[in-house]
Amino acid sequence: MNWKQVPVGPLQENAYIIWNDEKQALIVDPGSEGQRIIQIVQNFNVKPLAILLTHAHFDHIGAVDDVRDEFAIPVYIHEKEQDWLDDPNKNGSARFPLGHITARKAEHMITGEQILTIGHFTAKVFETPGHSPGSISFYFENGNVVFSGDTLFQGSIGRTDLPFGNYEQLMNSIHDKLLTLPEHTIVCSGHGPETSIENEMNANPFLSGF
């Protein structure tokens, strides 16, 4: 399994393109610059199967409809944020000077922790709320990687000062769901560089003593 990090938009949110040996692809959090994401996918000569959303803040959803319509693929989101996509107040775009950002409703609602199989991809879905109520992480065991959205970053953690954020929930999500993964697991975050579970256990100042 392969993936490419594509930082997009004014907040440099990380969209990800994941692909396998069968040339199937998944797109995680297409937050902005839809045509750029589309061009990269086409350059890879892969067939997208779905869009996976770790959560529905505006910087993670801005290019959802462009990408969805180009490839005629469904969107997966946690049920707790299904009504955030078309609500600028809930997705946060109403509070930033970037204009209202919306997307159409998702085709698939994730209702709890589960094994998600799409084509030849298999991911474990972890509920990791705290940054937002419906934040989820996608763990691909065969790829040794977890896409954590804005829950865990290199040397930092997701912010919880936004509406619906919860610091205690966030810390429990990190401790109970992410730090229990194998230490060599690569963490692909919603912003910033890749890291690993081991690095964050040993060096993340927000996690020391927790």
N, C-alpha and C. Protein backbone atom coordinates (compact mmCIF):
# COMPACT_ATOMS: atom_id res chain seq x y z
N MET A 1 0.84 -1.19 0.00
CA MET A 1 0.00 0.00 0.00
C MET A 1 0.88 1.24 0.00
N ASN A 2 0.48 2.23 -0.79
CA ASN A 2 1.23 3.47 -0.92
C ASN A 2 0.32 4.65 -0.62
N TRP A 3 0.93 5.77 -0.27
CA TRP A 3 0.14 6.98 -0.08
C TRP A 3 0.99 8.20 -0.38
N LYS A 4 0.30 9.29 -0.73
CA LYS A 4 0.97 10.56 -0.96
C LYS A 4 0.25 11.63 -0.16
N GLN A 5 1.02 12.41 0.58
CA GLN A 5 0.50 13.54 1.33
C GLN A 5 0.44 14.74 0.40
N VAL A 6 -0.72 15.42 0.39
CA VAL A 6 -0.90 16.59 -0.47
C VAL A 6 -1.40 17.75 0.39
N PRO A 7 -0.50 18.61 0.89
CA PRO A 7 -0.95 19.77 1.67
C PRO A 7 -1.71 20.75 0.77
N VAL A 8 -2.90 21.18 1.22
CA VAL A 8 -3.74 22.02 0.39
C VAL A 8 -4.33 23.17 1.20
N GLY A 9 -4.66 24.24 0.49
CA GLY A 9 -5.40 25.34 1.08
C GLY A 9 -4.59 26.24 1.97
N PRO A 10 -5.21 27.32 2.43
CA PRO A 10 -4.49 28.30 3.26
C PRO A 10 -4.05 27.75 4.60
N LEU A 11 -4.71 26.71 5.12
CA LEU A 11 -4.31 26.10 6.39
C LEU A 11 -3.39 24.90 6.18
N GLN A 12 -3.00 24.64 4.92
CA GLN A 12 -2.11 23.53 4.60
C GLN A 12 -2.59 22.23 5.26
N GLU A 13 -3.85 21.94 5.05
CA GLU A 13 -4.44 20.66 5.50
C GLU A 13 -3.91 19.54 4.61
N ASN A 14 -3.64 18.41 5.22
CA ASN A 14 -3.11 17.28 4.46
C ASN A 14 -4.23 16.41 3.90
N ALA A 15 -4.42 16.48 2.58
CA ALA A 15 -5.20 15.46 1.90
C ALA A 15 -4.25 14.30 1.61
N TYR A 16 -4.79 13.10 1.50
CA TYR A 16 -3.98 11.93 1.20
C TYR A 16 -4.61 11.13 0.06
N ILE A 17 -3.76 10.65 -0.80
CA ILE A 17 -4.15 9.71 -1.84
C ILE A 17 -3.48 8.38 -1.50
N ILE A 18 -4.31 7.35 -1.33
CA ILE A 18 -3.83 6.01 -0.98
C ILE A 18 -4.09 5.10 -2.17
N TRP A 19 -3.13 4.26 -2.51
CA TRP A 19 -3.39 3.31 -3.59
C TRP A 19 -2.70 1.98 -3.32
N ASN A 20 -3.21 0.95 -4.00
CA ASN A 20 -2.68 -0.40 -3.80
C ASN A 20 -2.15 -0.97 -5.10
N ASP A 21 -1.69 -2.21 -5.07
CA ASP A 21 -1.08 -2.83 -6.24
C ASP A 21 -2.08 -3.05 -7.37
N GLU A 22 -3.38 -3.08 -7.00
CA GLU A 22 -4.43 -3.25 -8.01
C GLU A 22 -4.81 -1.92 -8.66
N LYS A 23 -4.09 -0.84 -8.30
CA LYS A 23 -4.34 0.50 -8.85
C LYS A 23 -5.68 1.07 -8.39
N GLN A 24 -6.18 0.55 -7.27
CA GLN A 24 -7.34 1.16 -6.64
C GLN A 24 -6.87 2.25 -5.69
N ALA A 25 -7.71 3.25 -5.47
CA ALA A 25 -7.29 4.39 -4.64
C ALA A 25 -8.41 4.83 -3.71
N LEU A 26 -8.01 5.40 -2.58
CA LEU A 26 -8.89 6.09 -1.66
C LEU A 26 -8.34 7.50 -1.47
N ILE A 27 -9.23 8.45 -1.23
CA ILE A 27 -8.81 9.83 -1.02
C ILE A 27 -9.30 10.25 0.37
N VAL A 28 -8.36 10.68 1.20
CA VAL A 28 -8.68 11.07 2.57
C VAL A 28 -8.65 12.58 2.69
N ASP A 29 -9.74 13.16 3.20
CA ASP A 29 -9.82 14.58 3.56
C ASP A 29 -9.39 15.53 2.44
N PRO A 30 -10.08 15.52 1.31
CA PRO A 30 -9.76 16.50 0.26
C PRO A 30 -10.27 17.88 0.65
N GLY A 31 -9.43 18.66 1.30
CA GLY A 31 -9.87 19.88 1.96
C GLY A 31 -9.92 21.12 1.09
N SER A 32 -9.18 21.13 -0.01
CA SER A 32 -9.14 22.29 -0.88
C SER A 32 -8.40 21.89 -2.15
N GLU A 33 -8.32 22.81 -3.11
CA GLU A 33 -7.55 22.58 -4.34
C GLU A 33 -7.98 21.29 -5.03
N GLY A 34 -9.28 21.18 -5.28
CA GLY A 34 -9.80 19.96 -5.86
C GLY A 34 -9.17 19.58 -7.18
N GLN A 35 -8.96 20.55 -8.05
CA GLN A 35 -8.39 20.22 -9.36
C GLN A 35 -6.95 19.71 -9.24
N ARG A 36 -6.23 20.23 -8.27
CA ARG A 36 -4.86 19.73 -8.05
C ARG A 36 -4.88 18.28 -7.58
N ILE A 37 -5.79 17.97 -6.64
CA ILE A 37 -5.92 16.59 -6.17
C ILE A 37 -6.32 15.67 -7.32
N ILE A 38 -7.28 16.10 -8.11
CA ILE A 38 -7.74 15.32 -9.25
C ILE A 38 -6.59 15.05 -10.22
N GLN A 39 -5.79 16.07 -10.51
CA GLN A 39 -4.67 15.91 -11.44
C GLN A 39 -3.64 14.91 -10.92
N ILE A 40 -3.35 14.97 -9.62
CA ILE A 40 -2.39 14.02 -9.05
C ILE A 40 -2.92 12.60 -9.17
N VAL A 41 -4.19 12.40 -8.86
CA VAL A 41 -4.79 11.07 -8.99
C VAL A 41 -4.69 10.59 -10.42
N GLN A 42 -5.01 11.44 -11.36
CA GLN A 42 -4.94 11.04 -12.77
C GLN A 42 -3.51 10.73 -13.20
N ASN A 43 -2.56 11.49 -12.68
CA ASN A 43 -1.16 11.24 -13.01
C ASN A 43 -0.69 9.89 -12.49
N PHE A 44 -1.25 9.45 -11.36
CA PHE A 44 -0.90 8.15 -10.81
C PHE A 44 -1.56 7.00 -11.57
N ASN A 45 -2.54 7.34 -12.42
CA ASN A 45 -3.25 6.32 -13.21
C ASN A 45 -3.87 5.27 -12.30
N VAL A 46 -4.59 5.75 -11.29
CA VAL A 46 -5.29 4.85 -10.36
C VAL A 46 -6.78 5.13 -10.42
N LYS A 47 -7.56 4.20 -9.90
CA LYS A 47 -9.03 4.32 -9.93
C LYS A 47 -9.54 4.59 -8.52
N PRO A 48 -9.98 5.79 -8.22
CA PRO A 48 -10.52 6.08 -6.89
C PRO A 48 -11.81 5.32 -6.63
N LEU A 49 -11.96 4.85 -5.39
CA LEU A 49 -13.14 4.11 -4.99
C LEU A 49 -14.01 4.87 -4.00
N ALA A 50 -13.41 5.76 -3.21
CA ALA A 50 -14.18 6.45 -2.17
C ALA A 50 -13.37 7.61 -1.59
N ILE A 51 -14.08 8.50 -0.92
CA ILE A 51 -13.49 9.56 -0.11
C ILE A 51 -13.76 9.23 1.35
N LEU A 52 -12.71 9.25 2.17
CA LEU A 52 -12.84 9.02 3.61
C LEU A 52 -12.59 10.34 4.33
N LEU A 53 -13.49 10.70 5.23
CA LEU A 53 -13.34 11.93 6.00
C LEU A 53 -13.07 11.60 7.45
N THR A 54 -11.95 12.12 7.97
CA THR A 54 -11.65 11.93 9.39
C THR A 54 -12.55 12.78 10.27
N HIS A 55 -13.00 13.92 9.74
CA HIS A 55 -13.98 14.77 10.41
C HIS A 55 -14.42 15.83 9.40
N ALA A 56 -15.33 16.71 9.82
CA ALA A 56 -15.97 17.60 8.85
C ALA A 56 -15.67 19.07 9.08
N HIS A 57 -14.54 19.43 9.66
CA HIS A 57 -14.17 20.83 9.69
C HIS A 57 -13.89 21.31 8.26
N PHE A 58 -14.13 22.59 8.03
CA PHE A 58 -14.15 23.12 6.67
C PHE A 58 -12.85 22.90 5.90
N ASP A 59 -11.72 22.92 6.62
CA ASP A 59 -10.44 22.77 5.92
C ASP A 59 -10.19 21.35 5.47
N HIS A 60 -11.07 20.43 5.84
CA HIS A 60 -10.94 19.03 5.43
C HIS A 60 -11.98 18.62 4.39
N ILE A 61 -12.92 19.52 4.07
CA ILE A 61 -14.02 19.12 3.19
C ILE A 61 -14.19 20.00 1.96
N GLY A 62 -13.37 21.03 1.80
CA GLY A 62 -13.61 22.02 0.76
C GLY A 62 -13.60 21.51 -0.66
N ALA A 63 -12.91 20.40 -0.91
CA ALA A 63 -12.83 19.87 -2.28
C ALA A 63 -13.61 18.56 -2.42
N VAL A 64 -14.42 18.23 -1.42
CA VAL A 64 -15.15 16.95 -1.46
C VAL A 64 -16.01 16.82 -2.71
N ASP A 65 -16.80 17.85 -3.00
CA ASP A 65 -17.72 17.72 -4.13
C ASP A 65 -16.99 17.70 -5.47
N ASP A 66 -15.92 18.48 -5.61
CA ASP A 66 -15.15 18.45 -6.86
C ASP A 66 -14.60 17.05 -7.12
N VAL A 67 -14.00 16.47 -6.08
CA VAL A 67 -13.38 15.14 -6.24
C VAL A 67 -14.46 14.07 -6.41
N ARG A 68 -15.51 14.14 -5.62
CA ARG A 68 -16.60 13.17 -5.71
C ARG A 68 -17.22 13.18 -7.11
N ASP A 69 -17.48 14.36 -7.64
CA ASP A 69 -18.13 14.45 -8.94
C ASP A 69 -17.21 14.02 -10.08
N GLU A 70 -15.95 14.35 -9.97
CA GLU A 70 -15.00 13.97 -11.03
C GLU A 70 -14.91 12.46 -11.19
N PHE A 71 -14.87 11.74 -10.06
CA PHE A 71 -14.66 10.29 -10.12
C PHE A 71 -15.92 9.48 -9.83
N ALA A 72 -17.04 10.17 -9.54
CA ALA A 72 -18.31 9.50 -9.24
C ALA A 72 -18.14 8.46 -8.13
N ILE A 73 -17.64 8.92 -6.98
CA ILE A 73 -17.35 8.04 -5.85
C ILE A 73 -18.09 8.51 -4.61
N PRO A 74 -18.36 7.61 -3.66
CA PRO A 74 -19.08 7.98 -2.45
C PRO A 74 -18.17 8.54 -1.37
N VAL A 75 -18.81 9.19 -0.41
CA VAL A 75 -18.12 9.80 0.73
C VAL A 75 -18.53 9.07 2.00
N TYR A 76 -17.55 8.81 2.88
CA TYR A 76 -17.78 8.18 4.18
C TYR A 76 -17.47 9.19 5.28
N ILE A 77 -18.39 9.30 6.26
CA ILE A 77 -18.19 10.20 7.39
C ILE A 77 -18.89 9.62 8.61
N HIS A 78 -18.42 10.00 9.80
CA HIS A 78 -19.08 9.54 11.01
C HIS A 78 -20.46 10.20 11.13
N GLU A 79 -21.41 9.43 11.62
CA GLU A 79 -22.79 9.91 11.70
C GLU A 79 -22.94 11.17 12.55
N LYS A 80 -22.06 11.36 13.54
CA LYS A 80 -22.19 12.53 14.41
C LYS A 80 -21.90 13.84 13.68
N GLU A 81 -21.27 13.75 12.50
CA GLU A 81 -20.97 14.97 11.75
C GLU A 81 -21.61 14.96 10.36
N GLN A 82 -22.61 14.11 10.18
CA GLN A 82 -23.24 14.04 8.86
C GLN A 82 -23.89 15.35 8.47
N ASP A 83 -24.36 16.12 9.45
CA ASP A 83 -25.01 17.39 9.13
C ASP A 83 -24.06 18.58 9.19
N TRP A 84 -22.77 18.33 9.34
CA TRP A 84 -21.79 19.40 9.33
C TRP A 84 -21.41 19.81 7.90
N LEU A 85 -21.50 18.88 6.97
CA LEU A 85 -20.99 19.14 5.63
C LEU A 85 -21.66 20.34 4.99
N ASP A 86 -22.95 20.50 5.17
CA ASP A 86 -23.66 21.60 4.53
C ASP A 86 -24.05 22.70 5.52
N ASP A 87 -23.39 22.75 6.66
CA ASP A 87 -23.69 23.75 7.69
C ASP A 87 -22.42 24.53 8.05
N PRO A 88 -22.23 25.74 7.51
CA PRO A 88 -21.01 26.50 7.78
C PRO A 88 -20.79 26.81 9.26
N ASN A 89 -21.86 26.88 10.04
CA ASN A 89 -21.68 27.14 11.47
C ASN A 89 -21.07 25.94 12.17
N LYS A 90 -21.51 24.74 11.81
CA LYS A 90 -20.97 23.55 12.44
C LYS A 90 -19.59 23.20 11.90
N ASN A 91 -19.36 23.32 10.59
CA ASN A 91 -18.03 22.96 10.06
C ASN A 91 -17.00 24.05 10.27
N GLY A 92 -17.42 25.19 10.78
CA GLY A 92 -16.48 26.23 11.21
C GLY A 92 -16.17 27.29 10.18
N SER A 93 -16.59 27.11 8.94
CA SER A 93 -16.21 28.09 7.91
C SER A 93 -16.87 29.44 8.14
N ALA A 94 -17.99 29.47 8.84
CA ALA A 94 -18.66 30.74 9.12
C ALA A 94 -17.84 31.63 10.04
N ARG A 95 -16.90 31.05 10.76
CA ARG A 95 -16.10 31.83 11.71
C ARG A 95 -14.75 32.24 11.15
N PHE A 96 -14.46 31.90 9.90
CA PHE A 96 -13.18 32.25 9.30
C PHE A 96 -13.42 33.09 8.05
N PRO A 97 -12.50 33.98 7.70
CA PRO A 97 -12.72 34.90 6.58
C PRO A 97 -12.42 34.26 5.22
N LEU A 98 -12.90 33.05 5.02
CA LEU A 98 -12.64 32.35 3.77
C LEU A 98 -13.92 32.09 2.98
N GLY A 99 -15.04 32.60 3.49
CA GLY A 99 -16.31 32.31 2.86
C GLY A 99 -16.90 31.02 3.38
N HIS A 100 -18.19 30.85 3.17
CA HIS A 100 -18.85 29.63 3.62
C HIS A 100 -18.44 28.45 2.74
N ILE A 101 -17.99 27.38 3.39
CA ILE A 101 -17.55 26.16 2.70
C ILE A 101 -18.53 25.05 3.04
N THR A 102 -19.06 24.40 2.01
CA THR A 102 -20.02 23.32 2.23
C THR A 102 -19.77 22.19 1.25
N ALA A 103 -20.38 21.06 1.55
CA ALA A 103 -20.39 19.91 0.64
C ALA A 103 -21.74 19.22 0.79
N ARG A 104 -22.13 18.47 -0.22
CA ARG A 104 -23.37 17.73 -0.15
C ARG A 104 -23.26 16.61 0.88
N LYS A 105 -24.40 16.07 1.26
CA LYS A 105 -24.44 14.98 2.22
C LYS A 105 -23.59 13.80 1.77
N ALA A 106 -23.05 13.08 2.74
CA ALA A 106 -22.26 11.88 2.44
C ALA A 106 -23.18 10.71 2.12
N GLU A 107 -22.66 9.80 1.30
CA GLU A 107 -23.42 8.61 0.93
C GLU A 107 -23.41 7.55 2.02
N HIS A 108 -22.35 7.51 2.83
CA HIS A 108 -22.21 6.45 3.83
C HIS A 108 -21.93 7.06 5.20
N MET A 109 -22.70 6.63 6.20
CA MET A 109 -22.50 7.05 7.57
C MET A 109 -21.81 5.95 8.36
N ILE A 110 -20.74 6.29 9.03
CA ILE A 110 -20.05 5.35 9.91
C ILE A 110 -20.68 5.48 11.29
N THR A 111 -21.18 4.38 11.81
CA THR A 111 -21.99 4.43 13.04
C THR A 111 -21.27 3.91 14.27
N GLY A 112 -20.03 3.52 14.14
CA GLY A 112 -19.28 3.02 15.29
C GLY A 112 -17.98 2.42 14.81
N GLU A 113 -17.20 1.90 15.73
CA GLU A 113 -15.95 1.28 15.35
C GLU A 113 -16.24 0.01 14.57
N GLN A 114 -15.50 -0.20 13.50
CA GLN A 114 -15.81 -1.29 12.59
C GLN A 114 -14.63 -1.56 11.68
N ILE A 115 -14.74 -2.65 10.95
CA ILE A 115 -13.81 -2.95 9.87
C ILE A 115 -14.46 -2.46 8.58
N LEU A 116 -13.78 -1.59 7.89
CA LEU A 116 -14.29 -1.01 6.66
C LEU A 116 -13.54 -1.62 5.48
N THR A 117 -14.28 -2.27 4.59
CA THR A 117 -13.68 -2.88 3.40
C THR A 117 -14.21 -2.17 2.17
N ILE A 118 -13.30 -1.62 1.38
CA ILE A 118 -13.64 -0.94 0.13
C ILE A 118 -12.70 -1.48 -0.93
N GLY A 119 -13.22 -2.18 -1.92
CA GLY A 119 -12.35 -2.82 -2.89
C GLY A 119 -11.41 -3.77 -2.19
N HIS A 120 -10.11 -3.64 -2.45
CA HIS A 120 -9.11 -4.49 -1.80
C HIS A 120 -8.50 -3.81 -0.57
N PHE A 121 -9.07 -2.70 -0.14
CA PHE A 121 -8.60 -2.02 1.07
C PHE A 121 -9.39 -2.50 2.28
N THR A 122 -8.69 -2.66 3.40
CA THR A 122 -9.34 -2.97 4.67
C THR A 122 -8.77 -2.04 5.73
N ALA A 123 -9.65 -1.30 6.40
CA ALA A 123 -9.22 -0.37 7.44
C ALA A 123 -10.03 -0.61 8.71
N LYS A 124 -9.37 -0.47 9.83
CA LYS A 124 -10.07 -0.44 11.10
C LYS A 124 -10.43 1.01 11.40
N VAL A 125 -11.70 1.25 11.68
CA VAL A 125 -12.16 2.59 12.00
C VAL A 125 -12.22 2.75 13.52
N PHE A 126 -11.46 3.71 14.04
CA PHE A 126 -11.47 4.02 15.46
C PHE A 126 -12.20 5.34 15.68
N GLU A 127 -13.10 5.35 16.66
CA GLU A 127 -13.71 6.61 17.06
C GLU A 127 -12.72 7.34 17.96
N THR A 128 -12.29 8.52 17.53
CA THR A 128 -11.29 9.29 18.27
C THR A 128 -11.78 10.73 18.47
N PRO A 129 -12.88 10.89 19.18
CA PRO A 129 -13.44 12.23 19.38
C PRO A 129 -12.58 13.08 20.31
N GLY A 130 -12.87 14.36 20.30
CA GLY A 130 -12.17 15.31 21.16
C GLY A 130 -11.90 16.59 20.38
N HIS A 131 -11.22 16.46 19.25
CA HIS A 131 -11.08 17.63 18.36
C HIS A 131 -12.44 18.01 17.82
N SER A 132 -13.23 17.01 17.52
CA SER A 132 -14.63 17.19 17.14
C SER A 132 -15.38 15.91 17.54
N PRO A 133 -16.70 15.97 17.67
CA PRO A 133 -17.44 14.81 18.19
C PRO A 133 -17.38 13.58 17.31
N GLY A 134 -17.28 13.78 16.00
CA GLY A 134 -17.27 12.65 15.09
C GLY A 134 -15.91 12.35 14.48
N SER A 135 -14.85 12.79 15.12
CA SER A 135 -13.51 12.50 14.61
C SER A 135 -13.25 11.00 14.63
N ILE A 136 -12.73 10.49 13.53
CA ILE A 136 -12.37 9.08 13.44
C ILE A 136 -10.98 8.95 12.83
N SER A 137 -10.34 7.82 13.11
CA SER A 137 -9.03 7.51 12.54
C SER A 137 -9.15 6.21 11.76
N PHE A 138 -8.44 6.15 10.64
CA PHE A 138 -8.46 4.97 9.77
C PHE A 138 -7.11 4.27 9.87
N TYR A 139 -7.12 3.05 10.38
CA TYR A 139 -5.89 2.28 10.58
C TYR A 139 -5.81 1.15 9.55
N PHE A 140 -4.80 1.21 8.72
CA PHE A 140 -4.55 0.18 7.72
C PHE A 140 -3.40 -0.69 8.24
N GLU A 141 -3.76 -1.82 8.82
CA GLU A 141 -2.75 -2.67 9.44
C GLU A 141 -1.74 -3.17 8.42
N ASN A 142 -2.21 -3.53 7.23
CA ASN A 142 -1.29 -4.06 6.23
C ASN A 142 -0.36 -2.99 5.67
N GLY A 143 -0.72 -1.73 5.84
CA GLY A 143 0.14 -0.64 5.40
C GLY A 143 0.93 -0.02 6.53
N ASN A 144 0.67 -0.48 7.77
CA ASN A 144 1.39 0.02 8.94
C ASN A 144 1.21 1.53 9.10
N VAL A 145 -0.04 2.00 8.88
CA VAL A 145 -0.27 3.45 8.91
C VAL A 145 -1.67 3.74 9.46
N VAL A 146 -1.76 4.84 10.19
CA VAL A 146 -3.06 5.34 10.67
C VAL A 146 -3.22 6.78 10.21
N PHE A 147 -4.37 7.08 9.65
CA PHE A 147 -4.70 8.44 9.25
C PHE A 147 -5.54 9.03 10.37
N SER A 148 -4.93 9.92 11.14
CA SER A 148 -5.48 10.35 12.43
C SER A 148 -6.22 11.67 12.36
N GLY A 149 -6.34 12.27 11.18
CA GLY A 149 -7.00 13.57 11.11
C GLY A 149 -6.32 14.58 12.02
N ASP A 150 -7.12 15.33 12.77
CA ASP A 150 -6.56 16.36 13.65
C ASP A 150 -6.54 15.92 15.11
N THR A 151 -6.39 14.62 15.33
CA THR A 151 -6.31 14.10 16.70
C THR A 151 -4.90 14.15 17.24
N LEU A 152 -3.94 13.67 16.44
CA LEU A 152 -2.55 13.57 16.90
C LEU A 152 -1.63 14.08 15.80
N PHE A 153 -0.67 14.92 16.19
CA PHE A 153 0.31 15.47 15.27
C PHE A 153 1.73 15.17 15.75
N GLN A 154 2.68 15.43 14.87
CA GLN A 154 4.07 15.33 15.31
C GLN A 154 4.32 16.39 16.38
N GLY A 155 4.58 15.93 17.61
CA GLY A 155 4.89 16.84 18.69
C GLY A 155 3.73 17.66 19.21
N SER A 156 2.51 17.32 18.83
CA SER A 156 1.38 18.12 19.27
C SER A 156 0.11 17.26 19.26
N ILE A 157 -1.00 17.89 19.63
CA ILE A 157 -2.30 17.24 19.65
C ILE A 157 -3.32 18.18 19.03
N GLY A 158 -4.49 17.64 18.70
CA GLY A 158 -5.53 18.47 18.11
C GLY A 158 -6.04 19.53 19.06
N ARG A 159 -6.45 20.65 18.52
CA ARG A 159 -6.98 21.72 19.36
C ARG A 159 -8.38 21.35 19.82
N THR A 160 -8.72 21.80 21.00
CA THR A 160 -10.05 21.51 21.57
C THR A 160 -10.78 22.78 21.98
N ASP A 161 -10.28 23.94 21.53
CA ASP A 161 -10.91 25.20 21.89
C ASP A 161 -11.99 25.62 20.90
N LEU A 162 -12.20 24.83 19.85
CA LEU A 162 -13.27 25.11 18.91
C LEU A 162 -14.59 24.61 19.47
N PRO A 163 -15.72 25.09 18.96
CA PRO A 163 -17.01 24.57 19.42
C PRO A 163 -17.08 23.05 19.28
N PHE A 164 -17.61 22.41 20.27
CA PHE A 164 -17.78 20.95 20.33
C PHE A 164 -16.49 20.20 20.64
N GLY A 165 -15.38 20.94 20.87
CA GLY A 165 -14.14 20.28 21.25
C GLY A 165 -14.17 19.86 22.71
N ASN A 166 -13.36 18.83 23.05
CA ASN A 166 -13.35 18.32 24.42
C ASN A 166 -11.97 17.76 24.71
N TYR A 167 -11.23 18.45 25.57
CA TYR A 167 -9.84 18.06 25.84
C TYR A 167 -9.73 16.66 26.45
N GLU A 168 -10.56 16.36 27.44
CA GLU A 168 -10.48 15.05 28.09
C GLU A 168 -10.79 13.93 27.09
N GLN A 169 -11.78 14.14 26.26
CA GLN A 169 -12.10 13.16 25.22
C GLN A 169 -10.91 12.96 24.30
N LEU A 170 -10.29 14.05 23.87
CA LEU A 170 -9.15 13.97 22.96
C LEU A 170 -8.02 13.15 23.56
N MET A 171 -7.67 13.44 24.80
CA MET A 171 -6.57 12.73 25.44
C MET A 171 -6.90 11.25 25.62
N ASN A 172 -8.15 10.95 25.95
CA ASN A 172 -8.54 9.54 26.05
C ASN A 172 -8.49 8.85 24.70
N SER A 173 -8.89 9.55 23.65
CA SER A 173 -8.82 8.97 22.31
C SER A 173 -7.39 8.63 21.93
N ILE A 174 -6.48 9.55 22.20
CA ILE A 174 -5.07 9.32 21.86
C ILE A 174 -4.52 8.16 22.68
N HIS A 175 -4.79 8.18 23.97
CA HIS A 175 -4.22 7.16 24.86
C HIS A 175 -4.81 5.78 24.60
N ASP A 176 -6.14 5.72 24.45
CA ASP A 176 -6.83 4.43 24.39
C ASP A 176 -6.86 3.82 22.98
N LYS A 177 -6.83 4.67 21.96
CA LYS A 177 -6.99 4.16 20.60
C LYS A 177 -5.70 4.22 19.77
N LEU A 178 -4.97 5.31 19.86
CA LEU A 178 -3.81 5.47 18.99
C LEU A 178 -2.53 4.94 19.62
N LEU A 179 -2.29 5.27 20.87
CA LEU A 179 -1.05 4.81 21.49
C LEU A 179 -1.03 3.32 21.77
N THR A 180 -2.15 2.64 21.59
CA THR A 180 -2.19 1.18 21.73
C THR A 180 -1.81 0.47 20.43
N LEU A 181 -1.64 1.22 19.35
CA LEU A 181 -1.20 0.62 18.09
C LEU A 181 0.28 0.25 18.18
N PRO A 182 0.75 -0.65 17.31
CA PRO A 182 2.18 -0.98 17.31
C PRO A 182 3.04 0.28 17.20
N GLU A 183 4.13 0.29 17.95
CA GLU A 183 4.94 1.51 18.02
C GLU A 183 5.49 1.95 16.67
N HIS A 184 5.69 0.99 15.76
CA HIS A 184 6.25 1.35 14.45
C HIS A 184 5.19 1.91 13.50
N THR A 185 3.94 2.01 13.94
CA THR A 185 2.88 2.52 13.08
C THR A 185 3.16 3.97 12.68
N ILE A 186 3.06 4.24 11.40
CA ILE A 186 3.21 5.60 10.89
C ILE A 186 1.91 6.36 11.12
N VAL A 187 2.03 7.60 11.57
CA VAL A 187 0.87 8.46 11.81
C VAL A 187 0.84 9.53 10.72
N CYS A 188 -0.20 9.50 9.91
CA CYS A 188 -0.42 10.53 8.89
C CYS A 188 -1.48 11.49 9.41
N SER A 189 -1.03 12.67 9.78
CA SER A 189 -1.89 13.64 10.46
C SER A 189 -2.56 14.59 9.47
N GLY A 190 -3.55 15.33 10.00
CA GLY A 190 -4.28 16.28 9.18
C GLY A 190 -3.50 17.54 8.84
N HIS A 191 -2.41 17.80 9.54
CA HIS A 191 -1.53 18.93 9.27
C HIS A 191 -0.11 18.51 9.66
N GLY A 192 0.87 19.04 8.97
CA GLY A 192 2.25 18.79 9.35
C GLY A 192 2.79 17.47 8.84
N PRO A 193 4.02 17.14 9.26
CA PRO A 193 4.70 15.96 8.73
C PRO A 193 4.20 14.65 9.33
N GLU A 194 4.54 13.57 8.68
CA GLU A 194 4.27 12.24 9.22
C GLU A 194 5.12 12.02 10.47
N THR A 195 4.65 11.14 11.33
CA THR A 195 5.41 10.77 12.52
C THR A 195 5.16 9.29 12.77
N SER A 196 5.41 8.83 13.98
CA SER A 196 5.14 7.44 14.33
C SER A 196 4.60 7.39 15.76
N ILE A 197 3.93 6.31 16.07
CA ILE A 197 3.44 6.13 17.43
C ILE A 197 4.60 6.16 18.42
N GLU A 198 5.68 5.50 18.08
CA GLU A 198 6.84 5.47 18.98
C GLU A 198 7.38 6.87 19.23
N ASN A 199 7.52 7.67 18.17
CA ASN A 199 8.03 9.03 18.35
C ASN A 199 7.15 9.85 19.28
N GLU A 200 5.85 9.71 19.11
CA GLU A 200 4.94 10.52 19.93
C GLU A 200 4.89 10.03 21.37
N MET A 201 5.00 8.73 21.57
CA MET A 201 5.06 8.21 22.93
C MET A 201 6.30 8.72 23.66
N ASN A 202 7.40 8.87 22.92
CA ASN A 202 8.67 9.22 23.56
C ASN A 202 8.94 10.72 23.61
N ALA A 203 8.38 11.48 22.67
CA ALA A 203 8.83 12.86 22.54
C ALA A 203 7.71 13.89 22.50
N ASN A 204 6.46 13.50 22.45
CA ASN A 204 5.39 14.49 22.38
C ASN A 204 5.17 15.12 23.76
N PRO A 205 5.44 16.42 23.91
CA PRO A 205 5.36 17.02 25.24
C PRO A 205 3.95 17.05 25.82
N PHE A 206 2.93 16.96 24.94
CA PHE A 206 1.55 16.99 25.41
C PHE A 206 1.12 15.64 25.99
N LEU A 207 1.91 14.60 25.72
CA LEU A 207 1.55 13.26 26.18
C LEU A 207 2.37 12.80 27.37
N SER A 208 3.40 13.54 27.73
CA SER A 208 4.25 13.10 28.83
C SER A 208 3.46 13.13 30.14
N GLY A 209 3.50 12.03 30.83
CA GLY A 209 2.83 11.92 32.12
C GLY A 209 1.36 11.66 32.05
N PHE A 210 0.84 11.54 30.81
CA PHE A 210 -0.61 11.29 30.73
C PHE A 210 -0.91 9.82 30.93
